[in-house]
C-alpha atoms as a PDB file:
ATOM      1  CA  GLY A   1       0.042  -0.027   0.213  1.00  0.00           C
ATOM      2  CA  PHE A   2       2.723   2.367   0.033  1.00  0.00           C
ATOM      3  CA  ASP A   3       2.846   4.603  -3.045  1.00  0.00           C
ATOM      4  CA  PRO A   4       5.928   6.458  -3.824  1.00  0.00           C
ATOM      5  CA  ALA A   5       3.940   9.001  -5.600  1.00  0.00           C
ATOM      6  CA  ALA A   6       2.720  10.242  -2.366  1.00  0.00           C
ATOM      7  CA  ILE A   7       5.671  11.250  -0.884  1.00  0.00           C
ATOM      8  CA  GLY A   8       6.241  14.570  -0.324  1.00  0.00           C
ATOM      9  CA  SER A   9       9.696  14.426   1.665  1.00  0.00           C
ATOM     10  CA  ILE A  10      12.029  12.253   2.871  1.00  0.00           C
ATOM     11  CA  VAL A  11      14.028  12.791   6.442  1.00  0.00           C
ATOM     12  CA  LEU A  12      16.748  10.258   6.657  1.00  0.00           C
ATOM     13  CA  LYS A  13      19.058  10.802  10.405  1.00  0.00           C
ATOM     14  CA  SER A  14      21.848   9.038  11.426  1.00  0.00           C
ATOM     15  CA  GLY A  15      24.574   9.879  14.475  1.00  0.00           C
ATOM     16  CA  GLY A  16      23.343  12.889  14.926  1.00  0.00           C
ATOM     17  CA  LYS A  17      23.298  14.396  11.427  1.00  0.00           C
ATOM     18  CA  GLN A  18      19.931  14.954   9.070  1.00  0.00           C
ATOM     19  CA  VAL A  19      19.257  14.921   5.553  1.00  0.00           C
ATOM     20  CA  THR A  20      15.865  16.096   4.266  1.00  0.00           C
ATOM     21  CA  LEU A  21      14.707  15.292   0.700  1.00  0.00           C
ATOM     22  CA  THR A  22      11.783  17.538  -0.024  1.00  0.00           C
ATOM     23  CA  ARG A  23       9.377  17.539  -3.682  1.00  0.00           C
ATOM     24  CA  GLN A  24       9.346  20.090  -5.868  1.00  0.00           C
ATOM     25  CA  GLY A  25       7.449  18.997  -8.733  1.00  0.00           C
ATOM     26  CA  ASP A  26       8.885  15.638 -10.317  1.00  0.00           C
ATOM     27  CA  LEU A  27      11.570  15.955  -8.615  1.00  0.00           C
ATOM     28  CA  PHE A  28      13.524  16.519  -4.892  1.00  0.00           C
ATOM     29  CA  VAL A  29      15.671  18.984  -4.023  1.00  0.00           C
ATOM     30  CA  VAL A  30      18.253  18.280  -0.695  1.00  0.00           C
ATOM     31  CA  VAL A  31      16.862  20.954   1.980  1.00  0.00           C
ATOM     32  CA  GLU A  32      20.187  21.412   3.740  1.00  0.00           C
ATOM     33  CA  LYS A  33      22.089  22.055   0.731  1.00  0.00           C
ATOM     34  CA  ASP A  34      19.645  25.012  -0.729  1.00  0.00           C
ATOM     35  CA  ARG A  35      17.754  23.150  -2.252  1.00  0.00           C
ATOM     36  CA  TYR A  36      19.790  22.110  -4.717  1.00  0.00           C
ATOM     37  CA  PRO A  37      19.036  19.133  -7.085  1.00  0.00           C
ATOM     38  CA  ALA A  38      18.969  15.520  -5.676  1.00  0.00           C
ATOM     39  CA  LYS A  39      19.486  12.666  -7.426  1.00  0.00           C
ATOM     40  CA  MET A  40      16.693  10.723  -8.653  1.00  0.00           C
ATOM     41  CA  SER A  41      19.289   7.498  -8.926  1.00  0.00           C
ATOM     42  CA  GLN A  42      19.254   8.136  -5.331  1.00  0.00           C
ATOM     43  CA  ILE A  43      16.025   8.672  -3.975  1.00  0.00           C
ATOM     44  CA  ASN A  44      15.116   5.690  -6.108  1.00  0.00           C
ATOM     45  CA  TYR A  45      17.583   3.535  -4.607  1.00  0.00           C
ATOM     46  CA  LEU A  46      16.811   4.780  -0.817  1.00  0.00           C
ATOM     47  CA  VAL A  47      12.627   4.229  -1.530  1.00  0.00           C
ATOM     48  CA  THR A  48      13.137   0.800  -3.324  1.00  0.00           C
ATOM     49  CA  SER A  49      16.201  -0.362  -0.878  1.00  0.00           C
ATOM     50  CA  CYS A  50      13.641   0.133   1.897  1.00  0.00           C
ATOM     51  CA  LEU A  51      10.565  -1.210   0.858  1.00  0.00           C
ATOM     52  CA  ASP A  52      12.316  -4.601  -0.269  1.00  0.00           C
ATOM     53  CA  ILE A  53      13.358  -4.828   3.722  1.00  0.00           C
ATOM     54  CA  LYS A  54      12.410  -8.276   4.518  1.00  0.00           C
ATOM     55  CA  THR A  55      12.749  -9.350   8.626  1.00  0.00           C
ATOM     56  CA  SER A  56      13.531 -13.355   8.841  1.00  0.00           C
ATOM     57  CA  GLU A  57      12.644 -13.505  12.851  1.00  0.00           C
ATOM     58  CA  LEU A  58      11.701 -11.226  15.308  1.00  0.00           C
ATOM     59  CA  ILE A  59      13.632 -10.451  17.941  1.00  0.00           C
ATOM     60  CA  THR A  60      12.037  -8.638  20.506  1.00  0.00           C
ATOM     61  CA  GLY A  61       8.635  -7.106  21.481  1.00  0.00           C
ATOM     62  CA  ALA A  62      10.161  -5.264  24.694  1.00  0.00           C
ATOM     63  CA  LYS A  63      10.412  -1.566  24.667  1.00  0.00           C
ATOM     64  CA  ALA A  64      13.465  -1.725  26.665  1.00  0.00           C
ATOM     65  CA  ASN A  65      15.678  -3.926  24.692  1.00  0.00           C
ATOM     66  CA  PHE A  66      15.206  -1.289  21.120  1.00  0.00           C
ATOM     67  CA  PRO A  67      18.049   0.982  22.160  1.00  0.00           C
ATOM     68  CA  GLU A  68      20.060  -2.108  22.873  1.00  0.00           C
ATOM     69  CA  LEU A  69      19.730  -3.111  18.852  1.00  0.00           C
ATOM     70  CA  GLY A  70      20.069   0.205  17.588  1.00  0.00           C
ATOM     71  CA  VAL A  71      15.848   0.899  17.136  1.00  0.00           C
ATOM     72  CA  GLY A  72      14.942   2.687  20.169  1.00  0.00           C
ATOM     73  CA  ASP A  73      12.459   5.961  19.351  1.00  0.00           C
ATOM     74  CA  GLU A  74      15.635   8.332  20.531  1.00  0.00           C
ATOM     75  CA  LYS A  75      18.426   7.328  18.736  1.00  0.00           C
ATOM     76  CA  PRO A  76      18.224   4.678  16.068  1.00  0.00           C
ATOM     77  CA  VAL A  77      21.510   3.844  14.023  1.00  0.00           C
ATOM     78  CA  VAL A  78      19.718   5.215  11.327  1.00  0.00           C
ATOM     79  CA  SER A  79      16.031   6.768  10.469  1.00  0.00           C
ATOM     80  CA  VAL A  80      14.445   6.938   6.857  1.00  0.00           C
ATOM     81  CA  THR A  81      10.918   8.910   7.751  1.00  0.00           C
ATOM     82  CA  PHE A  82       8.570   9.061   3.917  1.00  0.00           C
ATOM     83  CA  LEU A  83       6.129  11.802   4.773  1.00  0.00           C
ATOM     84  CA  LYS A  84       3.346  13.358   2.804  1.00  0.00           C
ATOM     85  CA  PRO A  85       3.279  16.951   1.379  1.00  0.00           C
ATOM     86  CA  ASP A  86       1.574  17.895   4.974  1.00  0.00           C
ATOM     87  CA  LYS A  87       4.156  16.751   6.895  1.00  0.00           C
ATOM     88  CA  SER A  88       1.597  14.033   7.855  1.00  0.00           C
ATOM     89  CA  VAL A  89       4.056  10.546   8.093  1.00  0.00           C
ATOM     90  CA  ILE A  90       3.759   7.856   5.649  1.00  0.00           C
ATOM     91  CA  ALA A  91       6.535   5.361   6.920  1.00  0.00           C
ATOM     92  CA  GLY A  92       9.403   5.195   9.354  1.00  0.00           C
ATOM     93  CA  ILE A  93      12.176   2.751   9.488  1.00  0.00           C
ATOM     94  CA  LEU A  94      14.463   2.336  11.936  1.00  0.00           C
ATOM     95  CA  ILE A  95      17.577   0.973  10.994  1.00  0.00           C
ATOM     96  CA  GLY A  96      19.508  -0.786  14.010  1.00  0.00           C
ATOM     97  CA  ARG A  97      23.284  -2.487  14.222  1.00  0.00           C
ATOM     98  CA  GLN A  98      24.422  -5.873  13.065  1.00  0.00           C
ATOM     99  CA  SER A  99      23.361  -8.687  14.375  1.00  0.00           C
ATOM    100  CA  SER A 100      26.405 -10.041  16.982  1.00  0.00           C
ATOM    101  CA  ASP A 101      26.518 -13.690  14.862  1.00  0.00           C
ATOM    102  CA  MET A 102      26.800 -11.094  11.420  1.00  0.00           C
ATOM    103  CA  GLN A 103      23.517 -12.706  10.274  1.00  0.00           C
ATOM    104  CA  GLY A 104      21.407  -9.545   9.875  1.00  0.00           C
ATOM    105  CA  THR A 105      20.386  -6.320  11.133  1.00  0.00           C
ATOM    106  CA  TYR A 106      17.951  -5.163  13.439  1.00  0.00           C
ATOM    107  CA  VAL A 107      14.969  -3.444  11.848  1.00  0.00           C
ATOM    108  CA  ARG A 108      11.738  -1.657  13.434  1.00  0.00           C
ATOM    109  CA  LEU A 109       9.139   0.041  11.613  1.00  0.00           C
ATOM    110  CA  ALA A 110       9.018   3.391  13.966  1.00  0.00           C
ATOM    111  CA  SER A 111       5.215   3.245  14.586  1.00  0.00           C
ATOM    112  CA  GLY A 112       5.562  -0.613  15.674  1.00  0.00           C
ATOM    113  CA  ASP A 113       6.127  -2.300  18.900  1.00  0.00           C
ATOM    114  CA  LYS A 114       8.577  -5.811  17.723  1.00  0.00           C
ATOM    115  CA  ALA A 115      11.415  -5.068  16.445  1.00  0.00           C
ATOM    116  CA  TYR A 116      13.248  -7.766  13.878  1.00  0.00           C
ATOM    117  CA  LEU A 117      16.394  -9.541  11.992  1.00  0.00           C
ATOM    118  CA  SER A 118      16.564  -8.478   8.761  1.00  0.00           C
ATOM    119  CA  VAL A 119      19.254 -10.380   6.576  1.00  0.00           C
ATOM    120  CA  ASN A 120      18.630  -7.838   4.221  1.00  0.00           C
ATOM    121  CA  ALA A 121      18.937  -4.538   5.523  1.00  0.00           C
ATOM    122  CA  PRO A 122      20.168  -1.810   2.918  1.00  0.00           C
ATOM    123  CA  PRO A 123      23.295  -0.057   3.604  1.00  0.00           C
ATOM    124  CA  LEU A 124      22.296   3.617   2.993  1.00  0.00           C
ATOM    125  CA  GLN A 125      23.511   6.845   2.193  1.00  0.00           C
ATOM    126  CA  MET A 126      23.509   9.333   4.649  1.00  0.00           C
ATOM    127  CA  GLY A 127      25.253  11.864   3.429  1.00  0.00           C
ATOM    128  CA  ALA A 128      23.711  15.424   2.637  1.00  0.00           C
ATOM    129  CA  MET A 129      25.940  15.462  -0.567  1.00  0.00           C
ATOM    130  CA  ASP A 130      25.485  11.474  -1.377  1.00  0.00           C
ATOM    131  CA  PHE A 131      21.730  13.082  -2.814  1.00  0.00           C
ATOM    132  CA  ILE A 132      23.358  15.963  -4.566  1.00  0.00           C
ATOM    133  CA  ASN A 133      22.775  15.840  -8.228  1.00  0.00           C
ATOM    134  CA  ASN A 134      25.975  17.248  -9.581  1.00  0.00           C
ATOM    135  CA  THR A 135      25.489  17.325 -12.990  1.00  0.00           C
ATOM    136  CA  LEU A 136      24.056  20.285 -14.127  1.00  0.00           C
ATOM    137  CA  THR A 137      23.902  19.845 -17.807  1.00  0.00           C
ATOM    138  CA  GLU A 138      25.114  17.354 -20.579  1.00  0.00           C
ATOM    139  CA  HIS A 139      26.435  18.470 -23.940  1.00  0.00           C
ATOM    140  CA  PRO A 140      28.561  16.311 -25.905  1.00  0.00           C
ATOM    141  CA  LEU A 141      32.068  18.456 -26.441  1.00  0.00           C
ATOM    142  CA  ASP A 142      31.515  18.690 -30.200  1.00  0.00           C
ATOM    143  CA  ASP A 143      28.925  20.545 -29.817  1.00  0.00           C
ATOM    144  CA  VAL A 144      30.641  23.506 -27.386  1.00  0.00           C
ATOM    145  CA  ALA A 145      32.343  26.514 -29.157  1.00  0.00           C
ATOM    146  CA  MET A 146      33.154  27.754 -26.150  1.00  0.00           C
ATOM    147  CA  VAL A 147      32.220  28.677 -22.420  1.00  0.00           C
ATOM    148  CA  LYS A 148      32.251  32.277 -20.246  1.00  0.00           C
ATOM    149  CA  VAL A 149      32.351  32.351 -17.324  1.00  0.00           C
ATOM    150  CA  GLU A 150      31.800  35.363 -15.236  1.00  0.00           C
ATOM    151  CA  GLY A 151      32.015  36.478 -11.983  1.00  0.00           C
ATOM    152  CA  PRO A 152      32.592  39.334  -9.535  1.00  0.00           C
ATOM    153  CA  GLU A 153      36.365  39.686 -10.045  1.00  0.00           C
ATOM    154  CA  GLY A 154      35.426  39.242 -13.793  1.00  0.00           C
ATOM    155  CA  GLY A 155      36.186  36.857 -16.191  1.00  0.00           C
ATOM    156  CA  TYR A 156      36.868  34.827 -19.105  1.00  0.00           C
ATOM    157  CA  VAL A 157      36.752  32.163 -21.765  1.00  0.00           C
ATOM    158  CA  ILE A 158      37.599  28.886 -22.838  1.00  0.00           C
ATOM    159  CA  THR A 159      37.351  28.709 -26.311  1.00  0.00           C
ATOM    160  CA  LYS A 160      37.932  25.556 -28.855  1.00  0.00           C
ATOM    161  CA  ALA A 161      41.048  25.583 -30.468  1.00  0.00           C
ATOM    162  CA  VAL A 162      41.167  23.557 -33.993  1.00  0.00           C
ATOM    163  CA  ASN A 163      44.035  20.602 -33.640  1.00  0.00           C
ATOM    164  CA  ARG A 164      44.756  22.274 -30.096  1.00  0.00           C
ATOM    165  CA  GLY A 165      42.221  21.576 -27.821  1.00  0.00           C
ATOM    166  CA  ALA A 166      41.055  24.266 -25.099  1.00  0.00           C
ATOM    167  CA  GLY A 167      42.289  27.958 -24.985  1.00  0.00           C
ATOM    168  CA  LEU A 168      41.720  30.477 -22.159  1.00  0.00           C
ATOM    169  CA  ALA A 169      40.973  34.374 -23.106  1.00  0.00           C
ATOM    170  CA  ASN A 170      40.833  37.309 -21.125  1.00  0.00           C
ATOM    171  CA  VAL A 171      41.972  35.452 -17.928  1.00  0.00           C
ATOM    172  CA  PRO A 172      42.148  38.377 -14.678  1.00  0.00           C
END
């Protein structure tokens, strides 16, 4: 019943750090990085990975044990919260520590009262820069005749010289 189109924002928390991804039209932006466009491939990976988490066994229903497993409400190892545009919660996932025998990772739905072992909890990128789309534009190099750069201290031009590669002009 999880509809990815209903996501208004995604909040990731880990180690006291937070990354907020907010929908802007058909895309997402990284709030902590001046609303810079996010990589949709990374957003899709995050959503798909969270949806693909499978539990293998119930570990505990005792809330007192949650902090030890890393899935407590106060300080989970990783928290992923999917929100609607009105900021109401669609789903929250807490991903904790690896089990002592390394056979899985502890997970819990934020709204749930049971912690489980998962053998496929995803390794998630948790830094704001992991979600930044650093490709502003793509053009075949052969189609570019020159690039003009302007700044407060002046500007310069990078031109394509025949048989000599690129050349700089008007360097301040």
